[in-house]
Amino acid sequence: MNIKINLENIQTLTDFKRNAKDYLERIKSTKSPLVLTVNGKAEVVVHEAQAFQQMIDKLARLEEELEKFKLEALRSQIDIGIEQLENGQYTEYDDESLSAFFAKIKAQGQENLADSDSL
């Protein structure tokens, strides 16, 4: 389902009130939402109920898929970490070296932010 709002589907709330029956028939037949404006600003979207429910259902399915992908990625990263631990590919830190490590990460992060701000 690919819903796009075109300029024909943007109307004033006043005009919608005057011609509500016509607009509702058009929304039902086209399954396309109507944006209503108040003082030139988009305020409300009117949508056919079944098309809206389909959109909500699709969004819910996509959110479930995204969560599955996130979980798979996390499991993969954990597996990599376990493998690195088993192969001795890690560094041990004490209080002093850990502080230095965090300071280095902070400095790199600030440098990256400064670089991205200059773009």
PDB file of N, CA and C in Angstrom:
ATOM      1  N   MET A   1       0.855  -1.164   0.000  1.00  0.00           N
ATOM      2  CA  MET A   1       0.000   0.000   0.000  1.00  0.00           C
ATOM      3  C   MET A   1       0.904   1.232   0.000  1.00  0.00           C
ATOM      4  N   ASN A   2       0.743   2.073  -0.972  1.00  0.00           N
ATOM      5  CA  ASN A   2       1.544   3.271  -1.104  1.00  0.00           C
ATOM      6  C   ASN A   2       0.613   4.469  -1.136  1.00  0.00           C
ATOM      7  N   ILE A   3       0.525   5.187  -0.038  1.00  0.00           N
ATOM      8  CA  ILE A   3      -0.398   6.308   0.063  1.00  0.00           C
ATOM      9  C   ILE A   3       0.381   7.595  -0.128  1.00  0.00           C
ATOM     10  N   LYS A   4      -0.063   8.370  -1.087  1.00  0.00           N
ATOM     11  CA  LYS A   4       0.541   9.671  -1.331  1.00  0.00           C
ATOM     12  C   LYS A   4      -0.563  10.714  -1.273  1.00  0.00           C
ATOM     13  N   ILE A   5      -0.220  11.854  -0.749  1.00  0.00           N
ATOM     14  CA  ILE A   5      -1.182  12.946  -0.680  1.00  0.00           C
ATOM     15  C   ILE A   5      -0.810  13.945  -1.766  1.00  0.00           C
ATOM     16  N   ASN A   6      -1.740  14.157  -2.694  1.00  0.00           N
ATOM     17  CA  ASN A   6      -1.463  15.148  -3.732  1.00  0.00           C
ATOM     18  C   ASN A   6      -2.213  16.435  -3.418  1.00  0.00           C
ATOM     19  N   LEU A   7      -1.935  17.453  -4.190  1.00  0.00           N
ATOM     20  CA  LEU A   7      -2.523  18.764  -3.915  1.00  0.00           C
ATOM     21  C   LEU A   7      -4.040  18.774  -3.998  1.00  0.00           C
ATOM     22  N   GLU A   8      -4.616  17.868  -4.774  1.00  0.00           N
ATOM     23  CA  GLU A   8      -6.079  17.792  -4.856  1.00  0.00           C
ATOM     24  C   GLU A   8      -6.683  17.274  -3.559  1.00  0.00           C
ATOM     25  N   ASN A   9      -5.877  16.658  -2.718  1.00  0.00           N
ATOM     26  CA  ASN A   9      -6.363  16.086  -1.468  1.00  0.00           C
ATOM     27  C   ASN A   9      -6.062  16.981  -0.268  1.00  0.00           C
ATOM     28  N   ILE A  10      -5.844  18.246  -0.522  1.00  0.00           N
ATOM     29  CA  ILE A  10      -5.655  19.223   0.549  1.00  0.00           C
ATOM     30  C   ILE A  10      -6.766  20.256   0.416  1.00  0.00           C
ATOM     31  N   GLN A  11      -7.587  20.340   1.441  1.00  0.00           N
ATOM     32  CA  GLN A  11      -8.745  21.235   1.407  1.00  0.00           C
ATOM     33  C   GLN A  11      -8.862  21.972   2.734  1.00  0.00           C
ATOM     34  N   THR A  12      -9.597  23.046   2.717  1.00  0.00           N
ATOM     35  CA  THR A  12      -9.844  23.776   3.960  1.00  0.00           C
ATOM     36  C   THR A  12     -10.912  23.054   4.774  1.00  0.00           C
ATOM     37  N   LEU A  13     -10.827  23.205   6.068  1.00  0.00           N
ATOM     38  CA  LEU A  13     -11.832  22.622   6.951  1.00  0.00           C
ATOM     39  C   LEU A  13     -13.204  23.218   6.641  1.00  0.00           C
ATOM     40  N   THR A  14     -13.249  24.499   6.337  1.00  0.00           N
ATOM     41  CA  THR A  14     -14.512  25.169   6.004  1.00  0.00           C
ATOM     42  C   THR A  14     -15.163  24.532   4.786  1.00  0.00           C
ATOM     43  N   ASP A  15     -14.370  24.313   3.730  1.00  0.00           N
ATOM     44  CA  ASP A  15     -14.919  23.703   2.517  1.00  0.00           C
ATOM     45  C   ASP A  15     -15.360  22.264   2.791  1.00  0.00           C
ATOM     46  N   PHE A  16     -14.601  21.550   3.626  1.00  0.00           N
ATOM     47  CA  PHE A  16     -14.976  20.181   3.983  1.00  0.00           C
ATOM     48  C   PHE A  16     -16.326  20.180   4.703  1.00  0.00           C
ATOM     49  N   LYS A  17     -16.519  21.097   5.616  1.00  0.00           N
ATOM     50  CA  LYS A  17     -17.794  21.177   6.344  1.00  0.00           C
ATOM     51  C   LYS A  17     -18.949  21.431   5.382  1.00  0.00           C
ATOM     52  N   ARG A  18     -18.738  22.316   4.424  1.00  0.00           N
ATOM     53  CA  ARG A  18     -19.797  22.666   3.471  1.00  0.00           C
ATOM     54  C   ARG A  18     -20.132  21.502   2.543  1.00  0.00           C
ATOM     55  N   ASN A  19     -19.115  20.697   2.209  1.00  0.00           N
ATOM     56  CA  ASN A  19     -19.288  19.630   1.216  1.00  0.00           C
ATOM     57  C   ASN A  19     -18.875  18.264   1.768  1.00  0.00           C
ATOM     58  N   ALA A  20     -19.149  18.041   3.028  1.00  0.00           N
ATOM     59  CA  ALA A  20     -18.688  16.828   3.702  1.00  0.00           C
ATOM     60  C   ALA A  20     -19.105  15.552   2.975  1.00  0.00           C
ATOM     61  N   LYS A  21     -20.358  15.481   2.555  1.00  0.00           N
ATOM     62  CA  LYS A  21     -20.849  14.262   1.898  1.00  0.00           C
ATOM     63  C   LYS A  21     -20.047  13.965   0.632  1.00  0.00           C
ATOM     64  N   ASP A  22     -19.806  14.979  -0.184  1.00  0.00           N
ATOM     65  CA  ASP A  22     -19.031  14.781  -1.421  1.00  0.00           C
ATOM     66  C   ASP A  22     -17.601  14.332  -1.110  1.00  0.00           C
ATOM     67  N   TYR A  23     -16.990  14.980  -0.122  1.00  0.00           N
ATOM     68  CA  TYR A  23     -15.617  14.603   0.230  1.00  0.00           C
ATOM     69  C   TYR A  23     -15.547  13.181   0.779  1.00  0.00           C
ATOM     70  N   LEU A  24     -16.509  12.803   1.600  1.00  0.00           N
ATOM     71  CA  LEU A  24     -16.517  11.449   2.155  1.00  0.00           C
ATOM     72  C   LEU A  24     -16.672  10.404   1.055  1.00  0.00           C
ATOM     73  N   GLU A  25     -17.530  10.682   0.094  1.00  0.00           N
ATOM     74  CA  GLU A  25     -17.692   9.753  -1.034  1.00  0.00           C
ATOM     75  C   GLU A  25     -16.381   9.619  -1.805  1.00  0.00           C
ATOM     76  N   ARG A  26     -15.701  10.744  -2.026  1.00  0.00           N
ATOM     77  CA  ARG A  26     -14.430  10.708  -2.748  1.00  0.00           C
ATOM     78  C   ARG A  26     -13.371   9.935  -1.968  1.00  0.00           C
ATOM     79  N   ILE A  27     -13.312  10.146  -0.659  1.00  0.00           N
ATOM     80  CA  ILE A  27     -12.340   9.440   0.183  1.00  0.00           C
ATOM     81  C   ILE A  27     -12.606   7.937   0.142  1.00  0.00           C
ATOM     82  N   LYS A  28     -13.874   7.557   0.220  1.00  0.00           N
ATOM     83  CA  LYS A  28     -14.226   6.138   0.187  1.00  0.00           C
ATOM     84  C   LYS A  28     -13.881   5.508  -1.152  1.00  0.00           C
ATOM     85  N   SER A  29     -14.136   6.209  -2.237  1.00  0.00           N
ATOM     86  CA  SER A  29     -13.897   5.625  -3.561  1.00  0.00           C
ATOM     87  C   SER A  29     -12.412   5.578  -3.918  1.00  0.00           C
ATOM     88  N   THR A  30     -11.652   6.576  -3.495  1.00  0.00           N
ATOM     89  CA  THR A  30     -10.226   6.622  -3.860  1.00  0.00           C
ATOM     90  C   THR A  30      -9.327   5.950  -2.826  1.00  0.00           C
ATOM     91  N   LYS A  31      -9.840   5.771  -1.611  1.00  0.00           N
ATOM     92  CA  LYS A  31      -9.060   5.228  -0.490  1.00  0.00           C
ATOM     93  C   LYS A  31      -7.856   6.117  -0.178  1.00  0.00           C
ATOM     94  N   SER A  32      -7.911   7.349  -0.634  1.00  0.00           N
ATOM     95  CA  SER A  32      -6.817   8.299  -0.446  1.00  0.00           C
ATOM     96  C   SER A  32      -7.184   9.290   0.656  1.00  0.00           C
ATOM     97  N   PRO A  33      -6.272   9.587   1.559  1.00  0.00           N
ATOM     98  CA  PRO A  33      -6.579  10.506   2.652  1.00  0.00           C
ATOM     99  C   PRO A  33      -6.753  11.942   2.175  1.00  0.00           C
ATOM    100  N   LEU A  34      -7.456  12.710   2.966  1.00  0.00           N
ATOM    101  CA  LEU A  34      -7.703  14.119   2.683  1.00  0.00           C
ATOM    102  C   LEU A  34      -7.116  14.926   3.835  1.00  0.00           C
ATOM    103  N   VAL A  35      -6.289  15.898   3.505  1.00  0.00           N
ATOM    104  CA  VAL A  35      -5.698  16.772   4.510  1.00  0.00           C
ATOM    105  C   VAL A  35      -6.567  18.026   4.616  1.00  0.00           C
ATOM    106  N   LEU A  36      -6.945  18.342   5.836  1.00  0.00           N
ATOM    107  CA  LEU A  36      -7.759  19.539   6.061  1.00  0.00           C
ATOM    108  C   LEU A  36      -6.888  20.607   6.717  1.00  0.00           C
ATOM    109  N   THR A  37      -7.026  21.819   6.200  1.00  0.00           N
ATOM    110  CA  THR A  37      -6.236  22.928   6.713  1.00  0.00           C
ATOM    111  C   THR A  37      -7.103  23.903   7.494  1.00  0.00           C
ATOM    112  N   VAL A  38      -6.474  24.545   8.451  1.00  0.00           N
ATOM    113  CA  VAL A  38      -7.094  25.623   9.210  1.00  0.00           C
ATOM    114  C   VAL A  38      -6.109  26.791   9.162  1.00  0.00           C
ATOM    115  N   ASN A  39      -6.568  27.917   8.646  1.00  0.00           N
ATOM    116  CA  ASN A  39      -5.713  29.087   8.476  1.00  0.00           C
ATOM    117  C   ASN A  39      -4.451  28.759   7.672  1.00  0.00           C
ATOM    118  N   GLY A  40      -4.613  27.918   6.643  1.00  0.00           N
ATOM    119  CA  GLY A  40      -3.508  27.589   5.749  1.00  0.00           C
ATOM    120  C   GLY A  40      -2.537  26.561   6.281  1.00  0.00           C
ATOM    121  N   LYS A  41      -2.777  26.019   7.450  1.00  0.00           N
ATOM    122  CA  LYS A  41      -1.873  25.045   8.069  1.00  0.00           C
ATOM    123  C   LYS A  41      -2.569  23.687   8.147  1.00  0.00           C
ATOM    124  N   ALA A  42      -1.865  22.631   7.708  1.00  0.00           N
ATOM    125  CA  ALA A  42      -2.431  21.281   7.783  1.00  0.00           C
ATOM    126  C   ALA A  42      -2.696  20.934   9.242  1.00  0.00           C
ATOM    127  N   GLU A  43      -3.929  20.538   9.533  1.00  0.00           N
ATOM    128  CA  GLU A  43      -4.316  20.251  10.916  1.00  0.00           C
ATOM    129  C   GLU A  43      -4.843  18.841  11.121  1.00  0.00           C
ATOM    130  N   VAL A  44      -5.589  18.298  10.124  1.00  0.00           N
ATOM    131  CA  VAL A  44      -6.271  17.018  10.309  1.00  0.00           C
ATOM    132  C   VAL A  44      -6.194  16.221   9.016  1.00  0.00           C
ATOM    133  N   VAL A  45      -6.105  14.898   9.174  1.00  0.00           N
ATOM    134  CA  VAL A  45      -6.171  14.008   8.018  1.00  0.00           C
ATOM    135  C   VAL A  45      -7.413  13.144   8.174  1.00  0.00           C
ATOM    136  N   VAL A  46      -8.242  13.108   7.133  1.00  0.00           N
ATOM    137  CA  VAL A  46      -9.435  12.271   7.129  1.00  0.00           C
ATOM    138  C   VAL A  46      -9.127  11.109   6.194  1.00  0.00           C
ATOM    139  N   HIS A  47      -9.353   9.883   6.689  1.00  0.00           N
ATOM    140  CA  HIS A  47      -8.972   8.703   5.920  1.00  0.00           C
ATOM    141  C   HIS A  47     -10.087   7.669   5.990  1.00  0.00           C
ATOM    142  N   GLU A  48     -10.266   6.925   4.933  1.00  0.00           N
ATOM    143  CA  GLU A  48     -11.253   5.848   4.894  1.00  0.00           C
ATOM    144  C   GLU A  48     -10.835   4.793   5.922  1.00  0.00           C
ATOM    145  N   ALA A  49     -11.770   4.323   6.725  1.00  0.00           N
ATOM    146  CA  ALA A  49     -11.461   3.482   7.883  1.00  0.00           C
ATOM    147  C   ALA A  49     -10.713   2.200   7.520  1.00  0.00           C
ATOM    148  N   GLN A  50     -11.162   1.472   6.495  1.00  0.00           N
ATOM    149  CA  GLN A  50     -10.520   0.213   6.144  1.00  0.00           C
ATOM    150  C   GLN A  50      -9.091   0.448   5.633  1.00  0.00           C
ATOM    151  N   ALA A  51      -8.890   1.471   4.821  1.00  0.00           N
ATOM    152  CA  ALA A  51      -7.553   1.787   4.319  1.00  0.00           C
ATOM    153  C   ALA A  51      -6.647   2.204   5.475  1.00  0.00           C
ATOM    154  N   PHE A  52      -7.201   2.944   6.430  1.00  0.00           N
ATOM    155  CA  PHE A  52      -6.418   3.341   7.603  1.00  0.00           C
ATOM    156  C   PHE A  52      -6.017   2.119   8.414  1.00  0.00           C
ATOM    157  N   GLN A  53      -6.944   1.183   8.612  1.00  0.00           N
ATOM    158  CA  GLN A  53      -6.645  -0.025   9.378  1.00  0.00           C
ATOM    159  C   GLN A  53      -5.569  -0.851   8.676  1.00  0.00           C
ATOM    160  N   GLN A  54      -5.646  -0.936   7.344  1.00  0.00           N
ATOM    161  CA  GLN A  54      -4.618  -1.653   6.596  1.00  0.00           C
ATOM    162  C   GLN A  54      -3.247  -1.014   6.797  1.00  0.00           C
ATOM    163  N   MET A  55      -3.211   0.309   6.815  1.00  0.00           N
ATOM    164  CA  MET A  55      -1.962   1.021   7.022  1.00  0.00           C
ATOM    165  C   MET A  55      -1.416   0.740   8.433  1.00  0.00           C
ATOM    166  N   ILE A  56      -2.293   0.748   9.427  1.00  0.00           N
ATOM    167  CA  ILE A  56      -1.883   0.460  10.803  1.00  0.00           C
ATOM    168  C   ILE A  56      -1.373  -0.973  10.919  1.00  0.00           C
ATOM    169  N   ASP A  57      -2.067  -1.921  10.289  1.00  0.00           N
ATOM    170  CA  ASP A  57      -1.646  -3.326  10.322  1.00  0.00           C
ATOM    171  C   ASP A  57      -0.272  -3.493   9.674  1.00  0.00           C
ATOM    172  N   LYS A  58      -0.067  -2.824   8.548  1.00  0.00           N
ATOM    173  CA  LYS A  58       1.219  -2.912   7.854  1.00  0.00           C
ATOM    174  C   LYS A  58       2.325  -2.329   8.727  1.00  0.00           C
ATOM    175  N   LEU A  59       2.058  -1.218   9.353  1.00  0.00           N
ATOM    176  CA  LEU A  59       3.036  -0.599  10.242  1.00  0.00           C
ATOM    177  C   LEU A  59       3.389  -1.542  11.392  1.00  0.00           C
ATOM    178  N   ALA A  60       2.399  -2.200  11.964  1.00  0.00           N
ATOM    179  CA  ALA A  60       2.642  -3.147  13.055  1.00  0.00           C
ATOM    180  C   ALA A  60       3.516  -4.305  12.576  1.00  0.00           C
ATOM    181  N   ARG A  61       3.237  -4.829  11.372  1.00  0.00           N
ATOM    182  CA  ARG A  61       4.063  -5.920  10.833  1.00  0.00           C
ATOM    183  C   ARG A  61       5.500  -5.460  10.605  1.00  0.00           C
ATOM    184  N   LEU A  62       5.657  -4.259  10.088  1.00  0.00           N
ATOM    185  CA  LEU A  62       7.006  -3.727   9.846  1.00  0.00           C
ATOM    186  C   LEU A  62       7.769  -3.522  11.161  1.00  0.00           C
ATOM    187  N   GLU A  63       7.062  -3.062  12.188  1.00  0.00           N
ATOM    188  CA  GLU A  63       7.708  -2.900  13.489  1.00  0.00           C
ATOM    189  C   GLU A  63       8.146  -4.252  14.049  1.00  0.00           C
ATOM    190  N   GLU A  64       7.323  -5.286  13.875  1.00  0.00           N
ATOM    191  CA  GLU A  64       7.692  -6.630  14.327  1.00  0.00           C
ATOM    192  C   GLU A  64       8.923  -7.131  13.579  1.00  0.00           C
ATOM    193  N   GLU A  65       8.960  -6.918  12.270  1.00  0.00           N
ATOM    194  CA  GLU A  65      10.115  -7.328  11.462  1.00  0.00           C
ATOM    195  C   GLU A  65      11.370  -6.602  11.911  1.00  0.00           C
ATOM    196  N   LEU A  66      11.251  -5.315  12.158  1.00  0.00           N
ATOM    197  CA  LEU A  66      12.393  -4.524  12.597  1.00  0.00           C
ATOM    198  C   LEU A  66      12.931  -5.061  13.920  1.00  0.00           C
ATOM    199  N   GLU A  67      12.038  -5.380  14.841  1.00  0.00           N
ATOM    200  CA  GLU A  67      12.473  -5.935  16.125  1.00  0.00           C
ATOM    201  C   GLU A  67      13.201  -7.266  15.927  1.00  0.00           C
ATOM    202  N   LYS A  68      12.713  -8.100  15.007  1.00  0.00           N
ATOM    203  CA  LYS A  68      13.387  -9.373  14.723  1.00  0.00           C
ATOM    204  C   LYS A  68      14.789  -9.128  14.171  1.00  0.00           C
ATOM    205  N   PHE A  69      14.914  -8.157  13.244  1.00  0.00           N
ATOM    206  CA  PHE A  69      16.227  -7.835  12.677  1.00  0.00           C
ATOM    207  C   PHE A  69      17.177  -7.319  13.755  1.00  0.00           C
ATOM    208  N   LYS A  70      16.649  -6.475  14.639  1.00  0.00           N
ATOM    209  CA  LYS A  70      17.476  -5.945  15.726  1.00  0.00           C
ATOM    210  C   LYS A  70      17.962  -7.077  16.632  1.00  0.00           C
ATOM    211  N   LEU A  71      17.062  -7.995  16.955  1.00  0.00           N
ATOM    212  CA  LEU A  71      17.414  -9.116  17.814  1.00  0.00           C
ATOM    213  C   LEU A  71      18.450 -10.011  17.142  1.00  0.00           C
ATOM    214  N   GLU A  72      18.274 -10.272  15.850  1.00  0.00           N
ATOM    215  CA  GLU A  72      19.246 -11.080  15.105  1.00  0.00           C
ATOM    216  C   GLU A  72      20.611 -10.401  15.091  1.00  0.00           C
ATOM    217  N   ALA A  73      20.629  -9.086  14.879  1.00  0.00           N
ATOM    218  CA  ALA A  73      21.886  -8.348  14.859  1.00  0.00           C
ATOM    219  C   ALA A  73      22.555  -8.387  16.230  1.00  0.00           C
ATOM    220  N   LEU A  74      21.768  -8.241  17.288  1.00  0.00           N
ATOM    221  CA  LEU A  74      22.317  -8.309  18.638  1.00  0.00           C
ATOM    222  C   LEU A  74      22.902  -9.688  18.921  1.00  0.00           C
ATOM    223  N   ARG A  75      22.165 -10.728  18.550  1.00  0.00           N
ATOM    224  CA  ARG A  75      22.684 -12.091  18.748  1.00  0.00           C
ATOM    225  C   ARG A  75      23.981 -12.299  17.989  1.00  0.00           C
ATOM    226  N   SER A  76      24.046 -11.788  16.772  1.00  0.00           N
ATOM    227  CA  SER A  76      25.247 -11.913  15.960  1.00  0.00           C
ATOM    228  C   SER A  76      26.422 -11.209  16.633  1.00  0.00           C
ATOM    229  N   GLN A  77      26.185  -9.992  17.142  1.00  0.00           N
ATOM    230  CA  GLN A  77      27.246  -9.247  17.814  1.00  0.00           C
ATOM    231  C   GLN A  77      27.696  -9.959  19.091  1.00  0.00           C
ATOM    232  N   ILE A  78      26.755 -10.535  19.818  1.00  0.00           N
ATOM    233  CA  ILE A  78      27.108 -11.295  21.024  1.00  0.00           C
ATOM    234  C   ILE A  78      27.946 -12.511  20.641  1.00  0.00           C
ATOM    235  N   ASP A  79      27.560 -13.212  19.580  1.00  0.00           N
ATOM    236  CA  ASP A  79      28.327 -14.375  19.124  1.00  0.00           C
ATOM    237  C   ASP A  79      29.756 -13.978  18.742  1.00  0.00           C
ATOM    238  N   ILE A  80      29.883 -12.833  18.070  1.00  0.00           N
ATOM    239  CA  ILE A  80      31.219 -12.349  17.700  1.00  0.00           C
ATOM    240  C   ILE A  80      32.027 -12.050  18.958  1.00  0.00           C
ATOM    241  N   GLY A  81      31.396 -11.417  19.940  1.00  0.00           N
ATOM    242  CA  GLY A  81      32.079 -11.104  21.192  1.00  0.00           C
ATOM    243  C   GLY A  81      32.527 -12.350  21.922  1.00  0.00           C
ATOM    244  N   ILE A  82      31.666 -13.355  21.966  1.00  0.00           N
ATOM    245  CA  ILE A  82      32.027 -14.627  22.623  1.00  0.00           C
ATOM    246  C   ILE A  82      33.201 -15.272  21.906  1.00  0.00           C
ATOM    247  N   GLU A  83      33.155 -15.281  20.585  1.00  0.00           N
ATOM    248  CA  GLU A  83      34.241 -15.862  19.794  1.00  0.00           C
ATOM    249  C   GLU A  83      35.554 -15.114  20.046  1.00  0.00           C
ATOM    250  N   GLN A  84      35.480 -13.785  20.110  1.00  0.00           N
ATOM    251  CA  GLN A  84      36.688 -13.002  20.374  1.00  0.00           C
ATOM    252  C   GLN A  84      37.237 -13.301  21.768  1.00  0.00           C
ATOM    253  N   LEU A  85      36.357 -13.444  22.744  1.00  0.00           N
ATOM    254  CA  LEU A  85      36.805 -13.795  24.095  1.00  0.00           C
ATOM    255  C   LEU A  85      37.490 -15.161  24.108  1.00  0.00           C
ATOM    256  N   GLU A  86      36.867 -16.132  23.432  1.00  0.00           N
ATOM    257  CA  GLU A  86      37.425 -17.490  23.396  1.00  0.00           C
ATOM    258  C   GLU A  86      38.775 -17.530  22.686  1.00  0.00           C
ATOM    259  N   ASN A  87      38.975 -16.620  21.722  1.00  0.00           N
ATOM    260  CA  ASN A  87      40.232 -16.582  20.968  1.00  0.00           C
ATOM    261  C   ASN A  87      41.253 -15.635  21.581  1.00  0.00           C
ATOM    262  N   GLY A  88      40.933 -15.052  22.719  1.00  0.00           N
ATOM    263  CA  GLY A  88      41.868 -14.142  23.383  1.00  0.00           C
ATOM    264  C   GLY A  88      41.976 -12.782  22.725  1.00  0.00           C
ATOM    265  N   GLN A  89      41.007 -12.432  21.923  1.00  0.00           N
ATOM    266  CA  GLN A  89      41.036 -11.142  21.222  1.00  0.00           C
ATOM    267  C   GLN A  89      40.325 -10.074  22.060  1.00  0.00           C
ATOM    268  N   TYR A  90      40.926  -9.730  23.186  1.00  0.00           N
ATOM    269  CA  TYR A  90      40.355  -8.718  24.056  1.00  0.00           C
ATOM    270  C   TYR A  90      41.469  -8.036  24.829  1.00  0.00           C
ATOM    271  N   THR A  91      41.130  -6.922  25.455  1.00  0.00           N
ATOM    272  CA  THR A  91      42.086  -6.172  26.260  1.00  0.00           C
ATOM    273  C   THR A  91      41.515  -6.023  27.658  1.00  0.00           C
ATOM    274  N   GLU A  92      42.342  -6.270  28.652  1.00  0.00           N
ATOM    275  CA  GLU A  92      41.921  -6.063  30.037  1.00  0.00           C
ATOM    276  C   GLU A  92      42.345  -4.673  30.470  1.00  0.00           C
ATOM    277  N   TYR A  93      41.484  -4.027  31.237  1.00  0.00           N
ATOM    278  CA  TYR A  93      41.754  -2.677  31.713  1.00  0.00           C
ATOM    279  C   TYR A  93      41.691  -2.647  33.234  1.00  0.00           C
ATOM    280  N   ASP A  94      42.508  -1.754  33.810  1.00  0.00           N
ATOM    281  CA  ASP A  94      42.374  -1.461  35.238  1.00  0.00           C
ATOM    282  C   ASP A  94      41.749  -0.070  35.352  1.00  0.00           C
ATOM    283  N   ASP A  95      41.582   0.436  36.542  1.00  0.00           N
ATOM    284  CA  ASP A  95      40.906   1.724  36.727  1.00  0.00           C
ATOM    285  C   ASP A  95      41.583   2.842  35.946  1.00  0.00           C
ATOM    286  N   GLU A  96      42.919   2.870  35.981  1.00  0.00           N
ATOM    287  CA  GLU A  96      43.655   3.944  35.313  1.00  0.00           C
ATOM    288  C   GLU A  96      43.556   3.828  33.793  1.00  0.00           C
ATOM    289  N   SER A  97      43.795   2.629  33.266  1.00  0.00           N
ATOM    290  CA  SER A  97      43.762   2.463  31.807  1.00  0.00           C
ATOM    291  C   SER A  97      42.330   2.585  31.262  1.00  0.00           C
ATOM    292  N   LEU A  98      41.349   2.209  32.073  1.00  0.00           N
ATOM    293  CA  LEU A  98      39.958   2.338  31.637  1.00  0.00           C
ATOM    294  C   LEU A  98      39.567   3.811  31.529  1.00  0.00           C
ATOM    295  N   SER A  99      40.017   4.626  32.476  1.00  0.00           N
ATOM    296  CA  SER A  99      39.749   6.064  32.412  1.00  0.00           C
ATOM    297  C   SER A  99      40.365   6.668  31.156  1.00  0.00           C
ATOM    298  N   ALA A 100      41.587   6.277  30.846  1.00  0.00           N
ATOM    299  CA  ALA A 100      42.263   6.779  29.648  1.00  0.00           C
ATOM    300  C   ALA A 100      41.516   6.319  28.387  1.00  0.00           C
ATOM    301  N   PHE A 101      41.042   5.071  28.411  1.00  0.00           N
ATOM    302  CA  PHE A 101      40.302   4.527  27.273  1.00  0.00           C
ATOM    303  C   PHE A 101      39.029   5.342  27.027  1.00  0.00           C
ATOM    304  N   PHE A 102      38.273   5.631  28.110  1.00  0.00           N
ATOM    305  CA  PHE A 102      37.044   6.421  27.982  1.00  0.00           C
ATOM    306  C   PHE A 102      37.351   7.843  27.521  1.00  0.00           C
ATOM    307  N   ALA A 103      38.426   8.425  27.999  1.00  0.00           N
ATOM    308  CA  ALA A 103      38.818   9.774  27.573  1.00  0.00           C
ATOM    309  C   ALA A 103      39.127   9.781  26.079  1.00  0.00           C
ATOM    310  N   LYS A 104      39.789   8.730  25.602  1.00  0.00           N
ATOM    311  CA  LYS A 104      40.115   8.629  24.173  1.00  0.00           C
ATOM    312  C   LYS A 104      38.829   8.524  23.352  1.00  0.00           C
ATOM    313  N   ILE A 105      37.887   7.706  23.789  1.00  0.00           N
ATOM    314  CA  ILE A 105      36.608   7.555  23.082  1.00  0.00           C
ATOM    315  C   ILE A 105      35.864   8.893  23.058  1.00  0.00           C
ATOM    316  N   LYS A 106      35.855   9.592  24.190  1.00  0.00           N
ATOM    317  CA  LYS A 106      35.168  10.887  24.274  1.00  0.00           C
ATOM    318  C   LYS A 106      35.804  11.885  23.305  1.00  0.00           C
ATOM    319  N   ALA A 107      37.117  11.930  23.266  1.00  0.00           N
ATOM    320  CA  ALA A 107      37.821  12.852  22.370  1.00  0.00           C
ATOM    321  C   ALA A 107      37.516  12.530  20.912  1.00  0.00           C
ATOM    322  N   GLN A 108      37.508  11.235  20.577  1.00  0.00           N
ATOM    323  CA  GLN A 108      37.191  10.839  19.205  1.00  0.00           C
ATOM    324  C   GLN A 108      35.751  11.222  18.847  1.00  0.00           C
ATOM    325  N   GLY A 109      34.839  11.037  19.781  1.00  0.00           N
ATOM    326  CA  GLY A 109      33.440  11.404  19.552  1.00  0.00           C
ATOM    327  C   GLY A 109      33.290  12.892  19.325  1.00  0.00           C
ATOM    328  N   GLN A 110      33.975  13.688  20.135  1.00  0.00           N
ATOM    329  CA  GLN A 110      33.906  15.139  19.970  1.00  0.00           C
ATOM    330  C   GLN A 110      34.517  15.566  18.641  1.00  0.00           C
ATOM    331  N   GLU A 111      35.607  14.902  18.249  1.00  0.00           N
ATOM    332  CA  GLU A 111      36.233  15.199  16.959  1.00  0.00           C
ATOM    333  C   GLU A 111      35.287  14.852  15.812  1.00  0.00           C
ATOM    334  N   ASN A 112      34.622  13.720  15.910  1.00  0.00           N
ATOM    335  CA  ASN A 112      33.655  13.320  14.877  1.00  0.00           C
ATOM    336  C   ASN A 112      32.491  14.303  14.783  1.00  0.00           C
ATOM    337  N   LEU A 113      32.012  14.772  15.950  1.00  0.00           N
ATOM    338  CA  LEU A 113      30.929  15.758  15.949  1.00  0.00           C
ATOM    339  C   LEU A 113      31.389  17.058  15.312  1.00  0.00           C
ATOM    340  N   ALA A 114      32.602  17.479  15.627  1.00  0.00           N
ATOM    341  CA  ALA A 114      33.120  18.715  15.035  1.00  0.00           C
ATOM    342  C   ALA A 114      33.252  18.569  13.523  1.00  0.00           C
ATOM    343  N   ASP A 115      33.707  17.401  13.073  1.00  0.00           N
ATOM    344  CA  ASP A 115      33.831  17.150  11.636  1.00  0.00           C
ATOM    345  C   ASP A 115      32.468  17.166  10.956  1.00  0.00           C
ATOM    346  N   SER A 116      31.456  16.566  11.589  1.00  0.00           N
ATOM    347  CA  SER A 116      30.121  16.506  10.976  1.00  0.00           C
ATOM    348  C   SER A 116      29.456  17.876  10.976  1.00  0.00           C
ATOM    349  N   ASP A 117      29.767  18.716  11.974  1.00  0.00           N
ATOM    350  CA  ASP A 117      29.206  20.071  12.009  1.00  0.00           C
ATOM    351  C   ASP A 117      29.779  20.934  10.905  1.00  0.00           C
ATOM    352  N   SER A 118      31.016  20.644  10.495  1.00  0.00           N
ATOM    353  CA  SER A 118      31.648  21.468   9.444  1.00  0.00           C
ATOM    354  C   SER A 118      31.187  21.103   8.046  1.00  0.00           C
ATOM    355  N   LEU A 119      30.420  20.018   7.920  1.00  0.00           N
ATOM    356  CA  LEU A 119      29.921  19.621   6.606  1.00  0.00           C
ATOM    357  C   LEU A 119      28.828  20.494   6.229  1.00  0.00           C
TER     358      LEU A 119
END
